[in-house]
Amino acid sequence: MTAQIAEVQRKLAAAEGDKAFLQSELKRLMSEKAELERKLNDLEAIRARYKLLKEELIRKKRLEWMQKGTLNPTEKRGAEYLVPRQQWQTPPPKSTYDLNVEIDSEGKVRVINPPSKPAETNK
């Protein structure tokens, strides 16, 4: 664009051709250049404003998450919609086991029945 303006100014100075046409062409090119520069500046201003708004939105979301906690316990997530809650909870571990096993030197396994408990009597 600048090269075209310089060319028109050079022709105008050399007075080649119609001066009125060259002056109007020079004005047109200069106005186009000014318009493009204005649009570029507006685009930069819009980008800067967009960046500020995006940062503000992120800050607000973080504050909201901090206030209610990042994991809302009442809200289901991901696969929780597919599996009922009772299925994926682990049952409480047993405190005692009734299995007695003997392993001999050859690797044979023998299950020993637990001794029977005597019947309790109420006194």
Foldseek 3Di string as FASTA:
>chain_A
DVVVLVVLVVCLVVVPDDNVVSVVVNVVVVVVVVVVVVVVVVVVVVVVVVVVVVVVVVVVVVVVCVVCPVDNVVDDDDCCVVDPPVVPDDDDDDPDDQWDWDADPVGDIDTDGDDDDDDDDDD
